[in-house]
Protein backbone atom coordinates (compact mmCIF):
# COMPACT_ATOMS: atom_id res chain seq x y z
CA MET A 1 105.46 45.59 61.98
CA ASN A 2 108.05 46.87 64.46
CA GLU A 3 109.02 50.52 64.16
CA ILE A 4 112.57 51.13 62.95
CA THR A 5 114.77 52.76 65.55
CA LYS A 6 117.82 54.59 64.24
CA VAL A 7 121.05 55.44 66.02
CA ILE A 8 123.05 58.12 64.20
CA GLU A 9 126.67 57.98 65.25
CA CYS A 10 128.20 61.48 65.32
CA PRO A 11 132.01 61.51 65.08
CA ARG A 12 131.81 64.93 63.44
CA ASP A 13 130.19 66.36 66.56
CA ALA A 14 132.62 64.45 68.76
CA TRP A 15 135.68 65.79 66.93
CA GLN A 16 134.86 69.29 65.78
CA GLY A 17 136.06 71.16 68.87
CA LEU A 18 139.04 69.01 69.86
CA PRO A 19 142.24 70.95 70.52
CA ASP A 20 144.60 68.77 68.47
CA PHE A 21 144.08 67.91 64.80
CA ILE A 22 143.15 64.28 64.15
CA PRO A 23 145.08 62.99 61.10
CA THR A 24 143.04 62.56 57.96
CA GLU A 25 143.88 58.89 57.61
CA LEU A 26 142.76 58.17 61.18
CA LYS A 27 139.41 59.87 60.62
CA ALA A 28 138.84 57.85 57.44
CA GLU A 29 139.82 54.63 59.18
CA TYR A 30 137.49 55.46 62.05
CA LEU A 31 134.53 55.91 59.70
CA ARG A 32 135.31 52.60 58.06
CA GLU A 33 135.40 50.82 61.44
CA LEU A 34 132.02 52.35 62.31
CA VAL A 35 130.55 50.77 59.18
CA LEU A 36 132.15 47.42 60.00
CA ALA A 37 130.68 47.68 63.52
CA GLY A 38 127.20 47.97 62.02
CA PHE A 39 126.49 51.71 61.97
CA THR A 40 124.44 52.60 58.91
CA HIS A 41 123.83 56.29 59.73
CA ILE A 42 126.88 58.47 60.41
CA ASP A 43 127.15 62.24 60.98
CA ALA A 44 130.68 62.16 59.56
CA VAL A 45 131.92 65.50 58.23
CA SER A 46 131.15 69.18 57.95
CA PHE A 47 131.87 71.72 55.26
CA VAL A 48 132.53 74.87 57.22
CA SER A 49 135.27 77.48 57.50
CA PRO A 50 138.57 75.93 58.55
CA LYS A 51 139.30 79.21 60.30
CA HIS A 52 136.55 78.44 62.77
CA VAL A 53 136.50 74.63 62.79
CA LYS A 54 140.00 73.49 61.90
CA GLN A 55 139.22 69.86 62.70
CA MET A 56 136.92 69.66 59.66
CA ALA A 57 139.26 71.36 57.18
CA ASP A 58 139.99 68.01 55.49
CA SER A 59 136.44 66.72 54.99
CA GLU A 60 136.78 66.12 51.26
CA GLU A 61 140.00 64.14 51.71
CA VAL A 62 138.52 62.18 54.62
CA MET A 63 135.60 61.17 52.44
CA ALA A 64 137.84 60.24 49.51
CA ARG A 65 139.94 57.95 51.68
CA PHE A 66 136.88 56.52 53.41
CA ASN A 67 135.20 55.75 50.06
CA ASP A 68 138.36 54.06 48.79
CA SER A 69 138.59 51.93 51.95
CA LEU A 70 135.20 50.26 51.53
CA SER A 71 135.08 47.02 49.56
CA ILE A 72 132.43 46.68 46.89
CA ASP A 73 130.47 44.12 48.92
CA ILE A 74 129.87 46.52 51.83
CA ASP A 75 126.56 48.41 51.85
CA ARG A 76 127.18 52.14 51.79
CA PRO A 77 125.93 53.97 54.88
CA GLU A 78 124.04 57.21 55.12
CA ILE A 79 126.73 59.89 55.49
CA ILE A 80 125.63 63.26 56.79
CA GLY A 81 127.65 66.36 55.90
CA ILE A 82 126.88 69.50 57.90
CA VAL A 83 126.76 72.88 56.14
CA VAL A 84 126.02 76.38 57.42
CA ASN A 85 126.05 78.40 54.16
CA GLU A 86 125.86 78.11 50.37
CA LYS A 87 129.61 77.61 49.99
CA GLY A 88 129.42 74.63 52.35
CA LEU A 89 126.47 73.27 50.36
CA GLU A 90 128.46 73.46 47.13
CA ARG A 91 131.36 71.57 48.76
CA ALA A 92 129.06 68.91 50.24
CA LEU A 93 127.24 68.28 46.94
CA ALA A 94 130.59 67.94 45.17
CA THR A 95 131.86 65.34 47.63
CA PRO A 96 131.16 61.70 46.69
CA GLY A 97 129.75 59.59 49.48
CA VAL A 98 127.87 62.39 51.23
CA THR A 99 124.26 61.20 51.01
CA THR A 100 122.56 63.71 53.33
CA ILE A 101 122.94 67.43 53.91
CA GLY A 102 122.56 68.55 57.49
CA TYR A 103 121.81 72.09 58.64
CA PRO A 104 121.48 73.50 62.18
CA TYR A 105 118.54 75.90 62.13
CA SER A 106 118.55 77.84 65.39
CA ILE A 107 115.45 79.22 67.04
CA SER A 108 117.78 81.29 69.25
CA ALA A 109 118.77 84.56 67.58
CA TYR A 110 121.97 84.79 69.59
CA PHE A 111 123.10 81.29 68.73
CA ARG A 112 122.12 81.76 65.08
CA ARG A 113 124.48 84.72 64.90
CA ALA A 114 127.27 82.92 66.78
CA ASN A 115 127.01 79.75 64.72
CA ALA A 116 126.17 81.04 61.24
CA ASN A 117 126.00 84.86 61.40
CA MET A 118 122.52 84.97 59.90
CA SER A 119 119.17 86.54 60.56
CA ARG A 120 116.05 84.40 60.83
CA ASP A 121 114.96 85.28 57.28
CA GLU A 122 118.44 84.59 55.86
CA SER A 123 118.55 81.22 57.59
CA ARG A 124 115.11 80.26 56.28
CA LYS A 125 116.02 81.24 52.73
CA LEU A 126 119.10 79.07 53.03
CA VAL A 127 117.03 76.09 54.22
CA GLU A 128 114.74 76.47 51.25
CA LYS A 129 117.77 76.45 48.92
CA LEU A 130 119.22 73.45 50.71
CA LYS A 131 115.97 71.55 50.20
CA LYS A 132 115.78 72.46 46.50
CA ASP A 133 119.44 71.76 45.67
CA ALA A 134 119.69 68.61 47.74
CA ALA A 135 116.64 67.17 46.01
CA ALA A 136 118.00 68.10 42.59
CA ALA A 137 121.22 66.26 43.44
CA SER A 138 119.33 63.22 44.83
CA ARG A 139 120.56 63.92 48.35
CA ASP A 140 118.53 63.86 51.52
CA LEU A 141 118.23 66.70 54.01
CA VAL A 142 118.07 66.73 57.80
CA ILE A 143 117.35 69.92 59.73
CA TYR A 144 118.45 70.25 63.33
CA ILE A 145 116.39 72.67 65.40
CA SER A 146 119.10 74.10 67.60
CA MET A 147 118.16 75.29 71.11
CA ALA A 148 114.86 73.40 70.70
CA PHE A 149 114.65 72.82 74.47
CA GLY A 150 115.53 76.34 75.56
CA ASN A 151 118.66 78.48 75.67
CA PRO A 152 121.01 80.00 78.23
CA TYR A 153 120.86 83.48 76.75
CA ASP A 154 117.71 84.79 78.49
CA GLU A 155 115.89 84.79 75.15
CA PRO A 156 112.18 83.98 74.95
CA TRP A 157 111.49 80.28 74.47
CA GLY A 158 108.43 78.07 74.40
CA PRO A 159 107.04 75.01 72.63
CA GLU A 160 105.18 77.29 70.30
CA LEU A 161 108.49 78.33 68.71
CA VAL A 162 109.22 74.70 67.94
CA HIS A 163 105.67 74.12 66.69
CA GLU A 164 105.89 77.06 64.30
CA THR A 165 109.28 75.93 63.00
CA LEU A 166 108.03 72.40 62.38
CA GLU A 167 104.98 73.66 60.52
CA TRP A 168 107.22 75.81 58.29
CA LEU A 169 109.55 72.86 57.62
CA LYS A 170 106.57 70.69 56.71
CA ASP A 171 105.35 73.36 54.32
CA ILE A 172 108.65 73.33 52.41
CA ARG A 173 108.63 69.51 52.44
CA VAL A 174 111.50 68.80 54.82
CA ARG A 175 110.99 65.26 56.00
CA THR A 176 113.69 64.67 58.65
CA VAL A 177 114.06 66.90 61.69
CA SER A 178 116.09 66.48 64.86
CA LEU A 179 115.38 68.45 68.04
CA ALA A 180 118.70 69.53 69.53
CA ASP A 181 119.40 70.28 73.17
CA THR A 182 122.47 72.21 72.14
CA VAL A 183 123.70 73.08 75.65
CA GLY A 184 122.42 70.03 77.49
CA THR A 185 120.13 71.86 79.92
CA ALA A 186 116.89 69.95 79.31
CA ASP A 187 115.82 67.38 81.88
CA ALA A 188 114.03 64.15 81.03
CA LYS A 189 110.58 65.63 81.70
CA LEU A 190 111.14 68.49 79.27
CA VAL A 191 112.51 66.11 76.64
CA GLY A 192 109.46 63.86 76.91
CA ASP A 193 106.98 66.70 77.15
CA LEU A 194 108.26 68.51 74.06
CA CYS A 195 108.44 65.35 71.97
CA ARG A 196 104.82 64.61 72.86
CA GLU A 197 103.69 68.19 72.30
CA VAL A 198 105.02 68.34 68.75
CA LYS A 199 103.33 65.14 67.59
CA ASP A 200 100.51 67.00 65.86
CA HIS A 201 103.08 69.11 64.00
CA VAL A 202 105.27 66.32 62.67
CA ALA A 203 102.92 64.14 60.67
CA GLY A 204 105.02 62.94 57.76
CA ILE A 205 108.29 63.98 59.43
CA GLU A 206 110.86 61.59 60.86
CA LEU A 207 111.53 63.17 64.26
CA GLY A 208 114.82 62.70 66.05
CA VAL A 209 116.66 64.06 69.05
CA HIS A 210 120.22 65.29 69.32
CA LEU A 211 120.71 65.51 73.06
CA HIS A 212 123.66 66.57 75.18
CA SER A 213 123.83 65.34 78.73
CA ARG A 214 125.96 64.46 81.68
CA PRO A 215 126.30 60.66 81.85
CA GLU A 216 124.19 60.27 85.00
CA ASN A 217 121.16 61.86 83.32
CA ALA A 218 121.53 60.40 79.83
CA GLU A 219 119.47 57.21 80.09
CA GLU A 220 116.39 58.90 81.49
CA LYS A 221 116.45 61.45 78.67
CA ILE A 222 116.71 58.75 76.03
CA MET A 223 113.86 56.81 77.62
CA ALA A 224 111.71 59.93 77.84
CA ALA A 225 112.19 60.64 74.13
CA TYR A 226 111.56 57.01 73.17
CA GLU A 227 108.41 56.72 75.29
CA ALA A 228 107.17 59.95 73.66
CA GLY A 229 107.48 58.36 70.22
CA CYS A 230 110.94 59.39 69.05
CA ARG A 231 112.76 56.72 67.02
CA ARG A 232 115.89 58.60 65.84
CA PHE A 233 118.75 59.24 68.26
CA ASP A 234 122.06 61.07 67.70
CA SER A 235 124.96 60.08 69.92
CA ALA A 236 128.74 59.71 70.03
CA LEU A 237 130.80 56.83 71.37
CA THR A 238 132.06 57.55 74.92
CA GLY A 239 130.08 60.82 74.92
CA LEU A 240 132.92 62.80 73.39
CA GLY A 241 132.40 66.30 71.99
CA GLY A 242 129.70 68.89 71.43
CA CYS A 243 129.15 72.20 69.69
CA PRO A 244 132.07 74.63 70.17
CA PHE A 245 129.82 77.66 69.64
CA ALA A 246 127.33 76.89 72.42
CA GLY A 247 129.23 78.45 75.32
CA ASP A 248 130.89 77.41 78.54
CA ASN A 249 127.86 75.58 79.93
CA LEU A 250 127.97 72.88 77.23
CA VAL A 251 127.96 69.29 78.35
CA GLY A 252 128.97 66.46 76.05
CA ASN A 253 127.13 64.25 73.63
CA ILE A 254 125.18 61.32 75.01
CA ALA A 255 127.34 58.23 74.79
CA THR A 256 126.24 55.73 72.16
CA GLU A 257 126.82 52.92 74.65
CA GLN A 258 124.15 54.45 76.91
CA VAL A 259 121.75 54.92 74.02
CA LEU A 260 122.10 51.28 72.99
CA ALA A 261 121.61 50.09 76.58
CA ALA A 262 118.52 52.26 77.05
CA LEU A 263 116.99 51.16 73.76
CA LYS A 264 117.61 47.54 74.65
CA LYS A 265 115.70 48.06 77.91
CA ALA A 266 112.86 49.57 75.86
CA GLY A 267 112.80 46.51 73.59
CA ALA A 268 114.13 48.36 70.54
CA ASP A 269 116.79 46.97 68.26
CA PRO A 270 118.78 49.48 66.18
CA GLY A 271 120.88 46.64 64.76
CA ILE A 272 124.18 47.25 66.55
CA GLU A 273 125.44 44.49 68.80
CA PRO A 274 127.57 45.63 71.78
CA GLU A 275 130.23 42.99 71.14
CA ARG A 276 130.91 44.52 67.73
CA LEU A 277 132.00 47.80 69.35
CA THR A 278 135.26 46.61 70.91
CA LYS A 279 137.65 47.85 68.23
CA ILE A 280 135.89 51.14 67.54
CA LEU A 281 135.65 51.89 71.30
CA ALA A 282 139.41 51.32 71.56
CA MET A 283 139.96 53.79 68.72
CA THR A 284 137.65 56.29 70.38
CA ASN A 285 139.59 56.07 73.62
CA GLU A 286 142.80 56.61 71.69
CA ILE A 287 141.36 59.81 70.22
CA ARG A 288 140.07 60.90 73.65
CA VAL A 289 143.51 60.62 75.20
CA LYS A 290 145.75 61.73 72.34
CA TYR A 291 143.71 64.47 70.62
CA ALA A 292 141.13 65.59 73.19
CA HIS A 293 143.32 65.23 76.28
CA ALA A 294 140.29 63.62 77.93
CA PRO A 295 140.46 60.77 80.44
CA LEU A 296 140.48 57.18 79.28
CA LEU A 297 137.16 55.45 79.80
CA ASN A 298 137.02 51.83 80.98
């Protein structure tokens, strides 16, 4: 039996730091077009403070409009809603259509404070609550290990920090984990090496990567992760966006188009045909130009 390879489309990550607010109706329409294009796993919304991430202030309304837009004969996708605290968890669990809770657990103390204002112990207690409450509400949980490939803050880093984190997540029965290169500094060798090194620590865990990269280095990173056994890839169409709390050195998300091309070379089929992307790519370019003030991509 062929292994299932998943591509998780991440409009939430693409949009969250954009300077101009994307209208609610456009966000909902965009999510619908992703589903029609064949995406079955979407990192769609976050439930965070509108003071810090104004682009996500309308997540409940986006989901309501998105849910209403889907006809009854369309299979519902996995919809990931990101939270960073208990208030966000309450909002996510109260929002119909959100099937999976996502949480960025940072192994960098500096980034943990910048992103969620928590200590290590506070963050771990929150993850344990997320696991318990998500299970009680029949929702899934994905944990992102932020700064998994190192950090730009001169803090200690090594694979052992990732190993220890994965063992702890296994102990509390988290079953989906994504290694995040939050600032896009990892090269292909490091991506492949770390994915291979954690194999003994992820038995029973679906391991993914959430990589940021410049376009010229993206394919080799995807191939390195795939060859090391990773079968879950986060990306965003045209490579738009990235975490607004990661600092000035951030590079963008890996473009979904590059992920699909790389996986095709590797013989993997995530179930998304390139010809189905025409309309959603046009919408993405509209958002790039109008709301991100980014150049149009051909």
